[in-house]
Amino acid sequence: MFNKDMLNKLQDLKHQTEESKNRLEAIEVSEEAGGGLVRVVINGNRKIKSIDINTELNTLEKGDLEDLLMVAFDRALVKVNEINEKEVMSSAQSLFPGM
């Protein structure tokens, strides 16, 4: 069913996946909303690293804070998804040239 070449490719794929995961873990994307009132940091594996609210909570309405958080997270996730996609494609191309 599996020949030695296929087994080697699968081992290479596993190794590449781990390397990609480690590289993505080290990448951090920071985005803000509300002119810096809210800032979020997410790593390349889409793990939230920090959330900063740079104002007194009593100065914002609950709904406004929720909106700012959503905007900041959406912006960060767009960037992280682009980075993640590039990393996956780069790994795939190194294993399967011509992709």
Protein backbone atom coordinates (compact mmCIF):
# COMPACT_ATOMS: atom_id res chain seq x y z
CA MET A 1 0.00 0.00 0.00
CA PHE A 2 2.67 2.55 1.07
CA ASN A 3 6.07 2.38 -0.47
CA LYS A 4 9.23 3.74 1.14
CA ASP A 5 9.10 6.94 -0.93
CA MET A 6 5.53 7.67 0.19
CA LEU A 7 6.48 7.02 3.82
CA ASN A 8 9.42 9.42 3.50
CA LYS A 9 7.11 12.08 2.01
CA LEU A 10 4.69 11.67 4.92
CA GLN A 11 7.54 12.01 7.44
CA ASP A 12 8.77 15.11 5.59
CA LEU A 13 5.26 16.52 5.66
CA LYS A 14 5.00 15.96 9.41
CA HIS A 15 8.39 17.61 9.95
CA GLN A 16 7.45 20.58 7.73
CA THR A 17 4.15 20.97 9.57
CA GLU A 18 5.92 21.15 12.91
CA GLU A 19 8.43 23.67 11.58
CA SER A 20 5.62 25.82 10.16
CA LYS A 21 3.74 25.67 13.42
CA ASN A 22 6.85 26.81 15.30
CA ARG A 23 7.48 29.68 12.88
CA LEU A 24 3.85 30.79 13.12
CA GLU A 25 4.00 30.64 16.92
CA ALA A 26 6.78 33.25 16.86
CA ILE A 27 4.91 35.68 14.56
CA GLU A 28 2.74 38.26 16.29
CA VAL A 29 0.22 40.56 14.66
CA SER A 30 -0.98 43.63 16.51
CA GLU A 31 -4.07 45.59 15.49
CA GLU A 32 -6.01 48.37 17.11
CA ALA A 33 -9.36 50.11 16.86
CA GLY A 34 -10.78 53.37 18.07
CA GLY A 35 -7.58 55.28 17.52
CA GLY A 36 -5.70 53.00 19.87
CA LEU A 37 -8.39 52.60 22.53
CA VAL A 38 -8.28 48.84 21.98
CA ARG A 39 -5.30 46.77 20.83
CA VAL A 40 -5.09 43.02 20.31
CA VAL A 41 -2.11 40.80 19.60
CA ILE A 42 -2.54 37.39 17.94
CA ASN A 43 0.20 34.99 16.89
CA GLY A 44 0.44 33.21 13.55
CA ASN A 45 -1.31 30.15 14.97
CA ARG A 46 -4.32 32.37 15.79
CA LYS A 47 -3.67 32.31 19.53
CA ILE A 48 -4.58 35.48 21.40
CA LYS A 49 -1.48 36.85 23.09
CA SER A 50 -2.87 40.04 24.60
CA ILE A 51 -5.77 42.48 24.72
CA ASP A 52 -5.14 46.06 25.79
CA ILE A 53 -7.89 48.53 26.61
CA ASN A 54 -6.23 51.91 26.76
CA THR A 55 -8.93 53.90 28.48
CA GLU A 56 -10.93 53.76 31.67
CA LEU A 57 -13.78 51.29 31.28
CA ASN A 58 -16.29 53.79 32.63
CA THR A 59 -15.62 56.08 29.64
CA LEU A 60 -16.99 53.53 27.13
CA GLU A 61 -20.38 52.03 26.68
CA LYS A 62 -20.43 48.22 26.75
CA GLY A 63 -21.61 48.05 23.13
CA ASP A 64 -18.90 50.46 21.97
CA LEU A 65 -16.19 48.41 23.68
CA GLU A 66 -17.56 45.22 22.12
CA ASP A 67 -17.55 46.86 18.68
CA LEU A 68 -13.96 48.07 19.09
CA LEU A 69 -12.83 44.61 20.17
CA MET A 70 -14.54 43.04 17.17
CA VAL A 71 -12.93 45.49 14.77
CA ALA A 72 -9.46 44.95 16.24
CA PHE A 73 -9.83 41.16 16.21
CA ASP A 74 -11.19 41.14 12.67
CA ARG A 75 -8.27 43.24 11.43
CA ALA A 76 -5.73 41.04 13.19
CA LEU A 77 -7.33 37.82 11.95
CA VAL A 78 -7.29 39.02 8.35
CA LYS A 79 -3.53 39.61 8.60
CA VAL A 80 -2.89 36.37 10.50
CA ASN A 81 -4.88 34.35 7.98
CA GLU A 82 -2.80 35.83 5.13
CA ILE A 83 0.43 34.99 6.96
CA ASN A 84 -0.82 31.50 7.77
CA GLU A 85 -1.84 30.85 4.17
CA LYS A 86 1.56 31.97 2.85
CA GLU A 87 3.33 29.72 5.35
CA VAL A 88 1.23 26.70 4.38
CA MET A 89 1.80 27.34 0.66
CA SER A 90 5.53 27.78 1.20
CA SER A 91 5.72 24.49 3.08
CA ALA A 92 3.69 22.69 0.43
CA GLN A 93 5.86 24.05 -2.37
CA SER A 94 9.02 22.85 -0.68
CA LEU A 95 7.58 19.34 -0.42
CA PHE A 96 5.82 19.29 -3.76
CA PRO A 97 7.71 21.51 -6.24
CA GLY A 98 5.58 22.91 -9.01
CA MET A 99 2.49 23.51 -6.87
